[in-house]
């Protein structure tokens, strides 16, 4: 026969599992809530990180475009149109145009920077680095002082072509001489013996002409005093058929 004590013990045993179950359920619910909160926090953190990365990418891309354009323009011998620059660095034309505006402002000192001794100038529908006009004499004097040696045979031949066919483009000179004349033309420009006469508005090709320094070096007063070239050629051809 069960006693009162046995009865109370049995009742407590029957009730305790339900209480334990309710306690575990409450704990599980609390844990699930924390898990959802943690997941949402991670999602927001990832989104913020992606946004920051996008901003850094845009900034980095802009700087890379500027540097790429500087590198190309540094070695360009003729003005480069925006489309050609955009093709070279594989960037949209609008982005290249914005970069050019930034570079011009930077070199001119408009962006709070030091005004440079060179400028990025638009000539004949293209862009190219030029020495600022106020430093022309300084650069010419430096070039002459640093290059006192005699001209090479290639330079003399190129100078003769320019003298007799001026104004003439680099492409036309190369066609007559049948060789690349880029470095020779740069040498002659550096010596002050030739100058850029004008830039063709349609082709953006720079045309070159001789300077008064050449006349001084040759000891003549004008190009009319150059010796006739026709007697030196077999039939006056080879690109000089219209020369004297």
Protein backbone atom coordinates (compact mmCIF):
# COMPACT_ATOMS: atom_id res chain seq x y z
CA UNK A 1 0.00 0.00 0.00
CA UNK A 2 1.40 3.31 -1.09
CA UNK A 3 2.06 5.92 1.48
CA UNK A 4 1.57 9.68 1.14
CA UNK A 5 5.30 10.07 0.73
CA UNK A 6 5.36 7.67 -2.20
CA UNK A 7 2.47 9.46 -3.84
CA UNK A 8 4.17 12.87 -3.61
CA UNK A 9 7.41 11.46 -5.06
CA UNK A 10 5.58 9.96 -8.01
CA UNK A 11 3.85 13.29 -8.72
CA UNK A 12 7.15 15.18 -8.63
CA UNK A 13 8.69 12.68 -11.08
CA UNK A 14 5.79 13.11 -13.47
CA UNK A 15 5.98 16.92 -13.42
CA UNK A 16 9.83 17.32 -13.62
CA UNK A 17 10.32 16.10 -17.24
CA UNK A 18 7.78 18.66 -18.47
CA UNK A 19 9.62 21.41 -16.65
CA UNK A 20 12.94 20.22 -18.02
CA UNK A 21 11.45 20.10 -21.50
CA UNK A 22 10.09 23.65 -21.16
CA UNK A 23 13.50 24.84 -19.94
CA UNK A 24 15.29 23.25 -22.87
CA UNK A 25 12.76 24.71 -25.32
CA UNK A 26 13.27 28.18 -23.92
CA UNK A 27 17.04 27.74 -24.17
CA UNK A 28 16.83 26.50 -27.77
CA UNK A 29 14.57 29.41 -28.71
CA UNK A 30 17.03 31.85 -27.17
CA UNK A 31 19.91 30.23 -29.07
CA UNK A 32 18.02 30.38 -32.37
CA UNK A 33 17.38 34.07 -31.80
CA UNK A 34 21.06 34.74 -31.22
CA UNK A 35 21.91 32.75 -34.37
CA UNK A 36 19.52 34.85 -36.48
CA UNK A 37 21.00 38.05 -35.05
CA UNK A 38 24.55 36.84 -35.79
CA UNK A 39 23.63 35.94 -39.38
CA UNK A 40 22.06 39.36 -40.00
CA UNK A 41 25.15 41.04 -38.55
CA UNK A 42 27.42 39.03 -40.84
CA UNK A 43 25.28 39.91 -43.87
CA UNK A 44 25.45 43.63 -43.01
CA UNK A 45 29.21 43.41 -42.44
CA UNK A 46 29.74 41.69 -45.80
CA UNK A 47 27.63 44.31 -47.57
CA UNK A 48 29.56 47.15 -45.93
CA UNK A 49 32.86 45.50 -46.86
CA UNK A 50 31.74 45.09 -50.47
CA UNK A 51 30.72 48.75 -50.63
CA UNK A 52 34.07 49.84 -49.24
CA UNK A 53 35.85 47.59 -51.71
CA UNK A 54 33.87 49.11 -54.60
CA UNK A 55 34.88 52.61 -53.52
CA UNK A 56 38.54 51.60 -53.24
CA UNK A 57 38.35 49.92 -56.65
CA UNK A 58 36.93 53.05 -58.27
CA UNK A 59 39.60 55.23 -56.67
CA UNK A 60 42.36 52.81 -57.60
CA UNK A 61 41.09 52.52 -61.17
CA UNK A 62 41.09 56.30 -61.57
CA UNK A 63 44.67 56.53 -60.36
CA UNK A 64 45.71 53.66 -62.63
CA UNK A 65 44.13 55.37 -65.65
CA UNK A 66 46.02 58.57 -64.85
CA UNK A 67 49.32 56.72 -64.55
CA UNK A 68 48.74 54.71 -67.71
CA UNK A 69 47.99 57.86 -69.71
CA UNK A 70 51.11 59.56 -68.34
CA UNK A 71 53.24 56.60 -69.40
CA UNK A 72 51.88 56.63 -72.96
CA UNK A 73 52.02 60.40 -73.38
CA UNK A 74 55.58 60.45 -72.07
CA UNK A 75 56.80 58.50 -75.12
CA UNK A 76 54.34 59.85 -77.70
CA UNK A 77 55.96 61.85 -80.47
CA UNK A 78 52.68 63.13 -81.87
CA UNK A 79 49.38 64.29 -80.30
CA UNK A 80 47.22 61.33 -79.33
CA UNK A 81 43.41 61.48 -79.83
CA UNK A 82 41.19 60.39 -76.95
CA UNK A 83 39.95 57.35 -78.85
CA UNK A 84 43.50 56.13 -79.46
CA UNK A 85 44.42 56.63 -75.81
CA UNK A 86 41.28 54.83 -74.68
CA UNK A 87 42.08 51.91 -76.97
CA UNK A 88 45.66 51.75 -75.73
CA UNK A 89 44.74 51.48 -72.05
CA UNK A 90 41.44 49.62 -72.62
CA UNK A 91 39.29 52.19 -70.85
CA UNK A 92 36.08 54.06 -71.82
CA UNK A 93 36.60 57.32 -73.70
CA UNK A 94 34.61 59.21 -71.05
CA UNK A 95 36.94 57.91 -68.34
CA UNK A 96 40.00 58.92 -70.37
CA UNK A 97 38.53 62.39 -70.93
CA UNK A 98 38.02 62.82 -67.18
CA UNK A 99 41.57 61.64 -66.51
CA UNK A 100 42.95 64.16 -69.03
CA UNK A 101 41.09 66.95 -67.25
CA UNK A 102 42.59 65.84 -63.93
CA UNK A 103 46.11 65.67 -65.35
CA UNK A 104 45.87 69.10 -66.98
CA UNK A 105 44.68 70.62 -63.69
CA UNK A 106 47.48 68.83 -61.84
CA UNK A 107 50.24 70.04 -64.17
CA UNK A 108 48.85 73.59 -64.31
CA UNK A 109 48.74 73.81 -60.52
CA UNK A 110 44.97 74.26 -60.46
CA UNK A 111 44.51 71.27 -58.15
CA UNK A 112 46.60 72.77 -55.38
CA UNK A 113 49.77 71.26 -56.81
CA UNK A 114 52.99 72.88 -58.04
CA UNK A 115 52.81 74.23 -61.60
CA UNK A 116 55.09 72.07 -63.73
CA UNK A 117 57.62 73.15 -66.35
CA UNK A 118 55.69 71.13 -68.91
CA UNK A 119 52.05 71.05 -69.88
CA UNK A 120 49.56 68.62 -71.36
CA UNK A 121 48.21 70.43 -74.39
CA UNK A 122 45.55 69.60 -76.98
CA UNK A 123 46.88 70.14 -80.50
CA UNK A 124 45.24 69.03 -83.74
CA UNK A 125 42.61 66.96 -81.97
CA UNK A 126 45.11 65.09 -79.81
CA UNK A 127 46.99 65.40 -76.52
CA UNK A 128 50.73 65.57 -75.95
CA UNK A 129 53.30 66.84 -73.43
CA UNK A 130 55.02 70.14 -74.30
CA UNK A 131 57.60 72.29 -72.59
CA UNK A 132 56.00 75.50 -71.36
CA UNK A 133 56.84 78.45 -73.56
CA UNK A 134 58.75 80.31 -70.86
CA UNK A 135 61.28 77.47 -70.66
CA UNK A 136 62.00 77.04 -74.39
CA UNK A 137 65.32 78.89 -74.20
CA UNK A 138 66.41 76.91 -71.16
CA UNK A 139 65.66 73.57 -72.80
CA UNK A 140 67.25 74.53 -76.09
CA UNK A 141 70.42 75.71 -74.36
CA UNK A 142 70.58 72.49 -72.35
CA UNK A 143 70.08 70.31 -75.42
CA UNK A 144 72.81 72.10 -77.35
CA UNK A 145 75.22 71.94 -74.42
CA UNK A 146 74.59 68.26 -73.83
CA UNK A 147 74.91 67.25 -77.48
CA UNK A 148 78.06 68.85 -78.92
CA UNK A 149 78.95 65.78 -81.01
CA UNK A 150 78.49 65.70 -84.75
CA UNK A 151 75.27 64.45 -86.31
CA UNK A 152 75.13 60.85 -87.46
CA UNK A 153 74.73 59.96 -91.12
CA UNK A 154 71.09 59.05 -90.48
CA UNK A 155 70.46 62.42 -88.84
CA UNK A 156 72.13 64.29 -91.71
CA UNK A 157 70.04 62.43 -94.29
CA UNK A 158 66.83 63.10 -92.36
CA UNK A 159 67.75 66.76 -91.95
CA UNK A 160 68.35 67.03 -95.70
CA UNK A 161 64.92 65.52 -96.42
CA UNK A 162 63.27 68.04 -94.10
CA UNK A 163 65.27 70.95 -95.50
CA UNK A 164 64.28 70.25 -99.09
CA UNK A 165 60.72 68.98 -98.52
CA UNK A 166 59.52 71.14 -95.61
CA UNK A 167 57.03 71.25 -94.16
CA UNK A 168 56.91 67.46 -94.06
CA UNK A 169 55.42 64.86 -91.74
CA UNK A 170 57.33 62.10 -89.97
CA UNK A 171 55.51 59.50 -92.07
CA UNK A 172 56.56 61.16 -95.32
CA UNK A 173 60.18 61.33 -94.13
CA UNK A 174 60.11 57.62 -93.25
CA UNK A 175 58.62 56.84 -96.66
CA UNK A 176 61.44 58.64 -98.47
CA UNK A 177 64.19 57.13 -96.31
CA UNK A 178 62.50 53.72 -96.03
CA UNK A 179 63.43 53.49 -92.33
CA UNK A 180 61.95 54.51 -89.00
CA UNK A 181 62.96 58.09 -88.22
CA UNK A 182 61.36 58.64 -84.80
CA UNK A 183 64.59 58.77 -82.79
CA UNK A 184 66.40 60.85 -85.44
CA UNK A 185 63.61 63.42 -85.51
CA UNK A 186 63.75 63.66 -81.72
CA UNK A 187 67.50 64.25 -81.96
CA UNK A 188 67.07 67.03 -84.50
CA UNK A 189 64.36 68.62 -82.40
CA UNK A 190 66.60 68.44 -79.35
CA UNK A 191 69.43 70.12 -81.25
CA UNK A 192 67.09 72.92 -82.30
CA UNK A 193 67.74 72.28 -86.00
CA UNK A 194 64.09 71.57 -86.81
CA UNK A 195 60.80 72.62 -85.30
CA UNK A 196 57.14 71.62 -85.44
CA UNK A 197 55.66 73.79 -88.17
CA UNK A 198 52.01 72.76 -87.72
CA UNK A 199 49.73 69.82 -87.01
CA UNK A 200 47.36 68.52 -89.66
CA UNK A 201 43.80 68.98 -88.38
CA UNK A 202 42.55 65.82 -90.09
CA UNK A 203 45.36 63.32 -89.51
CA UNK A 204 46.93 64.93 -86.39
CA UNK A 205 50.31 64.41 -88.08
CA UNK A 206 52.98 66.89 -87.06
CA UNK A 207 54.83 68.58 -89.93
CA UNK A 208 58.42 69.67 -89.45
CA UNK A 209 60.49 72.52 -90.83
CA UNK A 210 64.06 73.74 -90.31
CA UNK A 211 65.00 76.58 -87.97
CA UNK A 212 67.23 79.64 -88.29
CA UNK A 213 69.85 77.72 -86.34
CA UNK A 214 70.33 75.43 -89.33
CA UNK A 215 70.93 78.44 -91.56
CA UNK A 216 73.50 79.71 -89.07
CA UNK A 217 75.24 76.35 -88.97
CA UNK A 218 75.31 76.16 -92.76
CA UNK A 219 76.42 79.77 -93.11
CA UNK A 220 73.56 80.81 -95.39
CA UNK A 221 70.88 83.47 -95.10
CA UNK A 222 67.87 81.59 -96.48
CA UNK A 223 66.77 78.22 -97.75
CA UNK A 224 67.03 79.58 -101.30
CA UNK A 225 70.78 79.33 -100.92
CA UNK A 226 70.69 75.58 -100.42
CA UNK A 227 72.52 73.77 -103.22
CA UNK A 228 70.39 72.30 -105.96
CA UNK A 229 69.78 68.64 -105.27
CA UNK A 230 68.69 67.56 -108.75
CA UNK A 231 72.24 67.11 -110.10
CA UNK A 232 72.95 64.76 -107.20
CA UNK A 233 70.14 62.37 -108.11
CA UNK A 234 70.02 59.96 -111.03
CA UNK A 235 66.62 61.11 -112.27
CA UNK A 236 65.35 63.50 -109.61
CA UNK A 237 63.08 60.81 -108.16
CA UNK A 238 63.09 58.95 -104.86
CA UNK A 239 60.78 61.50 -103.30
CA UNK A 240 62.75 64.55 -104.53
CA UNK A 241 61.22 64.85 -107.99
CA UNK A 242 59.62 68.18 -107.04
CA UNK A 243 62.75 69.54 -105.32
CA UNK A 244 65.28 71.80 -106.93
